[in-house]
Amino acid sequence: MRNIADKFSKRDATIVLKGKERIDRWIAEVHEDRVITYPVGAGLLAPLARKPREPVRYSQMLSIGELDPKG
């Protein structure tokens, strides 16, 4: 999953969680066991202006894909 997540580092993406829940997030960092995310569009904000980060563990994820432009 890390190899897939690396492709989305520093951009918006849709994360599909187990249970089929989809969340649209900005992928800030990719670590060995998790990705660090912020709300969509956070890449345009100064670090101090971003809302709190949210880590998502690979064990929670089914996949990461392109952000759906339709919302």
PDB file of N, CA and C in Angstrom:
ATOM      1  N   MET A   1       0.833  -1.195   0.000  1.00  0.00           N
ATOM      2  CA  MET A   1       0.000   0.000   0.000  1.00  0.00           C
ATOM      3  C   MET A   1       0.874   1.253   0.000  1.00  0.00           C
ATOM      4  N   ARG A   2       2.052   1.165   0.613  1.00  0.00           N
ATOM      5  CA  ARG A   2       2.918   2.344   0.632  1.00  0.00           C
ATOM      6  C   ARG A   2       3.303   2.776  -0.781  1.00  0.00           C
ATOM      7  N   ASN A   3       3.591   1.829  -1.652  1.00  0.00           N
ATOM      8  CA  ASN A   3       3.953   2.168  -3.031  1.00  0.00           C
ATOM      9  C   ASN A   3       2.822   2.907  -3.729  1.00  0.00           C
ATOM     10  N   ILE A   4       1.583   2.480  -3.466  1.00  0.00           N
ATOM     11  CA  ILE A   4       0.425   3.160  -4.057  1.00  0.00           C
ATOM     12  C   ILE A   4       0.281   4.552  -3.465  1.00  0.00           C
ATOM     13  N   ALA A   5       0.419   4.658  -2.149  1.00  0.00           N
ATOM     14  CA  ALA A   5       0.253   5.948  -1.472  1.00  0.00           C
ATOM     15  C   ALA A   5       1.319   6.954  -1.901  1.00  0.00           C
ATOM     16  N   ASP A   6       2.529   6.491  -2.143  1.00  0.00           N
ATOM     17  CA  ASP A   6       3.607   7.392  -2.573  1.00  0.00           C
ATOM     18  C   ASP A   6       3.232   8.174  -3.830  1.00  0.00           C
ATOM     19  N   LYS A   7       2.479   7.565  -4.719  1.00  0.00           N
ATOM     20  CA  LYS A   7       2.072   8.227  -5.965  1.00  0.00           C
ATOM     21  C   LYS A   7       1.164   9.415  -5.708  1.00  0.00           C
ATOM     22  N   PHE A   8       0.497   9.436  -4.541  1.00  0.00           N
ATOM     23  CA  PHE A   8      -0.454  10.497  -4.226  1.00  0.00           C
ATOM     24  C   PHE A   8       0.083  11.490  -3.204  1.00  0.00           C
ATOM     25  N   SER A   9       1.351  11.369  -2.858  1.00  0.00           N
ATOM     26  CA  SER A   9       1.947  12.282  -1.883  1.00  0.00           C
ATOM     27  C   SER A   9       1.885  13.721  -2.379  1.00  0.00           C
ATOM     28  N   LYS A  10       1.497  14.623  -1.488  1.00  0.00           N
ATOM     29  CA  LYS A  10       1.409  16.066  -1.748  1.00  0.00           C
ATOM     30  C   LYS A  10       0.319  16.424  -2.755  1.00  0.00           C
ATOM     31  N   ARG A  11      -0.787  15.659  -2.735  1.00  0.00           N
ATOM     32  CA  ARG A  11      -1.930  16.019  -3.574  1.00  0.00           C
ATOM     33  C   ARG A  11      -3.217  15.404  -3.020  1.00  0.00           C
ATOM     34  N   ASP A  12      -4.335  15.852  -3.557  1.00  0.00           N
ATOM     35  CA  ASP A  12      -5.633  15.357  -3.130  1.00  0.00           C
ATOM     36  C   ASP A  12      -5.888  13.970  -3.716  1.00  0.00           C
ATOM     37  N   ALA A  13      -6.585  13.137  -2.948  1.00  0.00           N
ATOM     38  CA  ALA A  13      -6.909  11.787  -3.403  1.00  0.00           C
ATOM     39  C   ALA A  13      -8.154  11.304  -2.673  1.00  0.00           C
ATOM     40  N   THR A  14      -8.746  10.233  -3.196  1.00  0.00           N
ATOM     41  CA  THR A  14      -9.844   9.566  -2.518  1.00  0.00           C
ATOM     42  C   THR A  14      -9.298   8.295  -1.890  1.00  0.00           C
ATOM     43  N   ILE A  15      -9.508   8.140  -0.594  1.00  0.00           N
ATOM     44  CA  ILE A  15      -9.089   6.941   0.121  1.00  0.00           C
ATOM     45  C   ILE A  15     -10.331   6.092   0.354  1.00  0.00           C
ATOM     46  N   VAL A  16     -10.243   4.829  -0.017  1.00  0.00           N
ATOM     47  CA  VAL A  16     -11.344   3.893   0.227  1.00  0.00           C
ATOM     48  C   VAL A  16     -10.970   3.056   1.443  1.00  0.00           C
ATOM     49  N   LEU A  17     -11.792   3.170   2.478  1.00  0.00           N
ATOM     50  CA  LEU A  17     -11.543   2.450   3.716  1.00  0.00           C
ATOM     51  C   LEU A  17     -12.289   1.123   3.714  1.00  0.00           C
ATOM     52  N   LYS A  18     -11.846   0.206   4.559  1.00  0.00           N
ATOM     53  CA  LYS A  18     -12.582  -1.041   4.738  1.00  0.00           C
ATOM     54  C   LYS A  18     -13.970  -0.668   5.214  1.00  0.00           C
ATOM     55  N   GLY A  19     -14.968  -1.336   4.714  1.00  0.00           N
ATOM     56  CA  GLY A  19     -16.346  -0.942   4.960  1.00  0.00           C
ATOM     57  C   GLY A  19     -16.865  -0.080   3.830  1.00  0.00           C
ATOM     58  N   LYS A  20     -16.006   0.134   2.810  1.00  0.00           N
ATOM     59  CA  LYS A  20     -16.342   0.859   1.577  1.00  0.00           C
ATOM     60  C   LYS A  20     -16.557   2.361   1.769  1.00  0.00           C
ATOM     61  N   GLU A  21     -16.220   2.915   2.926  1.00  0.00           N
ATOM     62  CA  GLU A  21     -16.323   4.362   3.113  1.00  0.00           C
ATOM     63  C   GLU A  21     -15.246   5.046   2.283  1.00  0.00           C
ATOM     64  N   ARG A  22     -15.630   6.138   1.618  1.00  0.00           N
ATOM     65  CA  ARG A  22     -14.688   6.913   0.809  1.00  0.00           C
ATOM     66  C   ARG A  22     -14.487   8.264   1.460  1.00  0.00           C
ATOM     67  N   ILE A  23     -13.223   8.667   1.600  1.00  0.00           N
ATOM     68  CA  ILE A  23     -12.922   9.993   2.139  1.00  0.00           C
ATOM     69  C   ILE A  23     -11.980  10.705   1.175  1.00  0.00           C
ATOM     70  N   ASP A  24     -12.259  11.957   0.926  1.00  0.00           N
ATOM     71  CA  ASP A  24     -11.404  12.784   0.081  1.00  0.00           C
ATOM     72  C   ASP A  24     -10.484  13.560   0.990  1.00  0.00           C
ATOM     73  N   ARG A  25      -9.181  13.382   0.806  1.00  0.00           N
ATOM     74  CA  ARG A  25      -8.184  13.979   1.691  1.00  0.00           C
ATOM     75  C   ARG A  25      -6.965  14.425   0.897  1.00  0.00           C
ATOM     76  N   TRP A  26      -6.210  15.374   1.456  1.00  0.00           N
ATOM     77  CA  TRP A  26      -4.915  15.762   0.910  1.00  0.00           C
ATOM     78  C   TRP A  26      -3.872  14.903   1.605  1.00  0.00           C
ATOM     79  N   ILE A  27      -3.070  14.183   0.829  1.00  0.00           N
ATOM     80  CA  ILE A  27      -2.053  13.289   1.376  1.00  0.00           C
ATOM     81  C   ILE A  27      -0.791  14.109   1.635  1.00  0.00           C
ATOM     82  N   ALA A  28      -0.497  14.381   2.892  1.00  0.00           N
ATOM     83  CA  ALA A  28       0.629  15.230   3.249  1.00  0.00           C
ATOM     84  C   ALA A  28       1.942  14.458   3.338  1.00  0.00           C
ATOM     85  N   GLU A  29       1.902  13.289   3.978  1.00  0.00           N
ATOM     86  CA  GLU A  29       3.112  12.497   4.191  1.00  0.00           C
ATOM     87  C   GLU A  29       2.773  11.023   4.052  1.00  0.00           C
ATOM     88  N   VAL A  30       3.754  10.255   3.618  1.00  0.00           N
ATOM     89  CA  VAL A  30       3.599   8.806   3.512  1.00  0.00           C
ATOM     90  C   VAL A  30       4.651   8.169   4.403  1.00  0.00           C
ATOM     91  N   HIS A  31       4.204   7.389   5.377  1.00  0.00           N
ATOM     92  CA  HIS A  31       5.097   6.699   6.313  1.00  0.00           C
ATOM     93  C   HIS A  31       5.035   5.204   6.061  1.00  0.00           C
ATOM     94  N   GLU A  32       5.799   4.451   6.852  1.00  0.00           N
ATOM     95  CA  GLU A  32       5.851   2.999   6.687  1.00  0.00           C
ATOM     96  C   GLU A  32       4.501   2.326   6.918  1.00  0.00           C
ATOM     97  N   ASP A  33       3.719   2.813   7.899  1.00  0.00           N
ATOM     98  CA  ASP A  33       2.483   2.130   8.253  1.00  0.00           C
ATOM     99  C   ASP A  33       1.225   2.988   8.116  1.00  0.00           C
ATOM    100  N   ARG A  34       1.372   4.244   7.665  1.00  0.00           N
ATOM    101  CA  ARG A  34       0.222   5.136   7.597  1.00  0.00           C
ATOM    102  C   ARG A  34       0.502   6.314   6.676  1.00  0.00           C
ATOM    103  N   VAL A  35      -0.578   6.988   6.295  1.00  0.00           N
ATOM    104  CA  VAL A  35      -0.466   8.254   5.576  1.00  0.00           C
ATOM    105  C   VAL A  35      -1.024   9.339   6.483  1.00  0.00           C
ATOM    106  N   ILE A  36      -0.461  10.524   6.392  1.00  0.00           N
ATOM    107  CA  ILE A  36      -0.926  11.675   7.153  1.00  0.00           C
ATOM    108  C   ILE A  36      -1.757  12.524   6.203  1.00  0.00           C
ATOM    109  N   THR A  37      -2.997  12.810   6.591  1.00  0.00           N
ATOM    110  CA  THR A  37      -3.913  13.516   5.705  1.00  0.00           C
ATOM    111  C   THR A  37      -4.466  14.779   6.350  1.00  0.00           C
ATOM    112  N   TYR A  38      -4.941  15.662   5.481  1.00  0.00           N
ATOM    113  CA  TYR A  38      -5.628  16.897   5.869  1.00  0.00           C
ATOM    114  C   TYR A  38      -6.855  17.027   4.970  1.00  0.00           C
ATOM    115  N   PRO A  39      -7.755  17.958   5.273  1.00  0.00           N
ATOM    116  CA  PRO A  39      -8.900  18.165   4.375  1.00  0.00           C
ATOM    117  C   PRO A  39      -8.445  18.512   2.958  1.00  0.00           C
ATOM    118  N   VAL A  40      -9.279  18.205   1.982  1.00  0.00           N
ATOM    119  CA  VAL A  40      -8.981  18.506   0.582  1.00  0.00           C
ATOM    120  C   VAL A  40      -8.641  19.985   0.445  1.00  0.00           C
ATOM    121  N   GLY A  41      -7.631  20.280  -0.355  1.00  0.00           N
ATOM    122  CA  GLY A  41      -7.215  21.658  -0.589  1.00  0.00           C
ATOM    123  C   GLY A  41      -6.228  22.193   0.427  1.00  0.00           C
ATOM    124  N   ALA A  42      -5.869  21.406   1.423  1.00  0.00           N
ATOM    125  CA  ALA A  42      -4.963  21.883   2.470  1.00  0.00           C
ATOM    126  C   ALA A  42      -3.569  22.171   1.933  1.00  0.00           C
ATOM    127  N   GLY A  43      -3.226  21.591   0.791  1.00  0.00           N
ATOM    128  CA  GLY A  43      -1.912  21.842   0.211  1.00  0.00           C
ATOM    129  C   GLY A  43      -1.712  23.294  -0.166  1.00  0.00           C
ATOM    130  N   LEU A  44      -2.804  24.018  -0.326  1.00  0.00           N
ATOM    131  CA  LEU A  44      -2.718  25.431  -0.686  1.00  0.00           C
ATOM    132  C   LEU A  44      -2.562  26.330   0.531  1.00  0.00           C
ATOM    133  N   LEU A  45      -2.765  25.769   1.715  1.00  0.00           N
ATOM    134  CA  LEU A  45      -2.719  26.554   2.947  1.00  0.00           C
ATOM    135  C   LEU A  45      -1.335  26.496   3.594  1.00  0.00           C
ATOM    136  N   ALA A  46      -1.010  27.547   4.333  1.00  0.00           N
ATOM    137  CA  ALA A  46       0.217  27.523   5.130  1.00  0.00           C
ATOM    138  C   ALA A  46       0.055  26.434   6.198  1.00  0.00           C
ATOM    139  N   PRO A  47       1.140  25.775   6.590  1.00  0.00           N
ATOM    140  CA  PRO A  47       1.029  24.681   7.565  1.00  0.00           C
ATOM    141  C   PRO A  47       0.267  25.059   8.837  1.00  0.00           C
ATOM    142  N   LEU A  48       0.443  26.243   9.345  1.00  0.00           N
ATOM    143  CA  LEU A  48      -0.242  26.633  10.577  1.00  0.00           C
ATOM    144  C   LEU A  48      -1.735  26.882  10.367  1.00  0.00           C
ATOM    145  N   ALA A  49      -2.164  27.102   9.125  1.00  0.00           N
ATOM    146  CA  ALA A  49      -3.572  27.369   8.833  1.00  0.00           C
ATOM    147  C   ALA A  49      -4.376  26.088   8.589  1.00  0.00           C
ATOM    148  N   ARG A  50      -3.689  24.959   8.480  1.00  0.00           N
ATOM    149  CA  ARG A  50      -4.367  23.689   8.221  1.00  0.00           C
ATOM    150  C   ARG A  50      -5.086  23.203   9.471  1.00  0.00           C
ATOM    151  N   LYS A  51      -6.192  22.546   9.252  1.00  0.00           N
ATOM    152  CA  LYS A  51      -6.890  21.903  10.364  1.00  0.00           C
ATOM    153  C   LYS A  51      -6.035  20.727  10.838  1.00  0.00           C
ATOM    154  N   PRO A  52      -6.336  20.200  12.022  1.00  0.00           N
ATOM    155  CA  PRO A  52      -5.503  19.105  12.550  1.00  0.00           C
ATOM    156  C   PRO A  52      -5.347  17.952  11.570  1.00  0.00           C
ATOM    157  N   ARG A  53      -4.166  17.384  11.568  1.00  0.00           N
ATOM    158  CA  ARG A  53      -3.893  16.266  10.671  1.00  0.00           C
ATOM    159  C   ARG A  53      -4.597  15.011  11.154  1.00  0.00           C
ATOM    160  N   GLU A  54      -4.827  14.116  10.221  1.00  0.00           N
ATOM    161  CA  GLU A  54      -5.459  12.840  10.538  1.00  0.00           C
ATOM    162  C   GLU A  54      -4.647  11.712   9.920  1.00  0.00           C
ATOM    163  N   PRO A  55      -4.053  10.868  10.734  1.00  0.00           N
ATOM    164  CA  PRO A  55      -3.355   9.702  10.174  1.00  0.00           C
ATOM    165  C   PRO A  55      -4.343   8.610   9.799  1.00  0.00           C
ATOM    166  N   VAL A  56      -4.073   7.931   8.697  1.00  0.00           N
ATOM    167  CA  VAL A  56      -4.878   6.781   8.272  1.00  0.00           C
ATOM    168  C   VAL A  56      -3.919   5.611   8.101  1.00  0.00           C
ATOM    169  N   ARG A  57      -4.137   4.558   8.852  1.00  0.00           N
ATOM    170  CA  ARG A  57      -3.256   3.384   8.782  1.00  0.00           C
ATOM    171  C   ARG A  57      -3.583   2.541   7.549  1.00  0.00           C
ATOM    172  N   TYR A  58      -2.547   1.947   6.992  1.00  0.00           N
ATOM    173  CA  TYR A  58      -2.744   1.103   5.811  1.00  0.00           C
ATOM    174  C   TYR A  58      -3.707  -0.044   6.102  1.00  0.00           C
ATOM    175  N   SER A  59      -3.721  -0.526   7.352  1.00  0.00           N
ATOM    176  CA  SER A  59      -4.619  -1.636   7.702  1.00  0.00           C
ATOM    177  C   SER A  59      -6.084  -1.229   7.611  1.00  0.00           C
ATOM    178  N   GLN A  60      -6.389   0.081   7.611  1.00  0.00           N
ATOM    179  CA  GLN A  60      -7.762   0.570   7.478  1.00  0.00           C
ATOM    180  C   GLN A  60      -8.176   0.743   6.022  1.00  0.00           C
ATOM    181  N   MET A  61      -7.208   0.734   5.104  1.00  0.00           N
ATOM    182  CA  MET A  61      -7.451   1.143   3.730  1.00  0.00           C
ATOM    183  C   MET A  61      -7.600  -0.028   2.776  1.00  0.00           C
ATOM    184  N   LEU A  62      -8.479   0.154   1.799  1.00  0.00           N
ATOM    185  CA  LEU A  62      -8.562  -0.784   0.683  1.00  0.00           C
ATOM    186  C   LEU A  62      -7.769  -0.273  -0.506  1.00  0.00           C
ATOM    187  N   SER A  63      -7.877   1.045  -0.774  1.00  0.00           N
ATOM    188  CA  SER A  63      -7.155   1.621  -1.915  1.00  0.00           C
ATOM    189  C   SER A  63      -7.119   3.139  -1.821  1.00  0.00           C
ATOM    190  N   ILE A  64      -6.321   3.714  -2.700  1.00  0.00           N
ATOM    191  CA  ILE A  64      -6.253   5.165  -2.875  1.00  0.00           C
ATOM    192  C   ILE A  64      -6.386   5.415  -4.369  1.00  0.00           C
ATOM    193  N   GLY A  65      -7.197   6.415  -4.738  1.00  0.00           N
ATOM    194  CA  GLY A  65      -7.389   6.704  -6.152  1.00  0.00           C
ATOM    195  C   GLY A  65      -7.497   8.192  -6.409  1.00  0.00           C
ATOM    196  N   GLU A  66      -7.692   8.526  -7.664  1.00  0.00           N
ATOM    197  CA  GLU A  66      -7.846   9.934  -8.059  1.00  0.00           C
ATOM    198  C   GLU A  66      -9.056  10.537  -7.379  1.00  0.00           C
ATOM    199  N   LEU A  67      -8.938  11.779  -6.986  1.00  0.00           N
ATOM    200  CA  LEU A  67     -10.048  12.503  -6.389  1.00  0.00           C
ATOM    201  C   LEU A  67     -11.170  12.632  -7.420  1.00  0.00           C
ATOM    202  N   ASP A  68     -12.365  12.301  -6.999  1.00  0.00           N
ATOM    203  CA  ASP A  68     -13.529  12.399  -7.883  1.00  0.00           C
ATOM    204  C   ASP A  68     -13.914  13.866  -8.029  1.00  0.00           C
ATOM    205  N   PRO A  69     -13.768  14.476  -9.222  1.00  0.00           N
ATOM    206  CA  PRO A  69     -14.057  15.884  -9.388  1.00  0.00           C
ATOM    207  C   PRO A  69     -15.534  16.232  -9.195  1.00  0.00           C
ATOM    208  N   LYS A  70     -16.408  15.241  -9.259  1.00  0.00           N
ATOM    209  CA  LYS A  70     -17.834  15.488  -9.084  1.00  0.00           C
ATOM    210  C   LYS A  70     -18.218  15.646  -7.615  1.00  0.00           C
ATOM    211  N   GLY A  71     -17.273  15.231  -6.712  1.00  0.00           N
ATOM    212  CA  GLY A  71     -17.552  15.346  -5.280  1.00  0.00           C
ATOM    213  C   GLY A  71     -18.368  14.233  -4.851  1.00  0.00           C
TER     214      GLY A  71
END
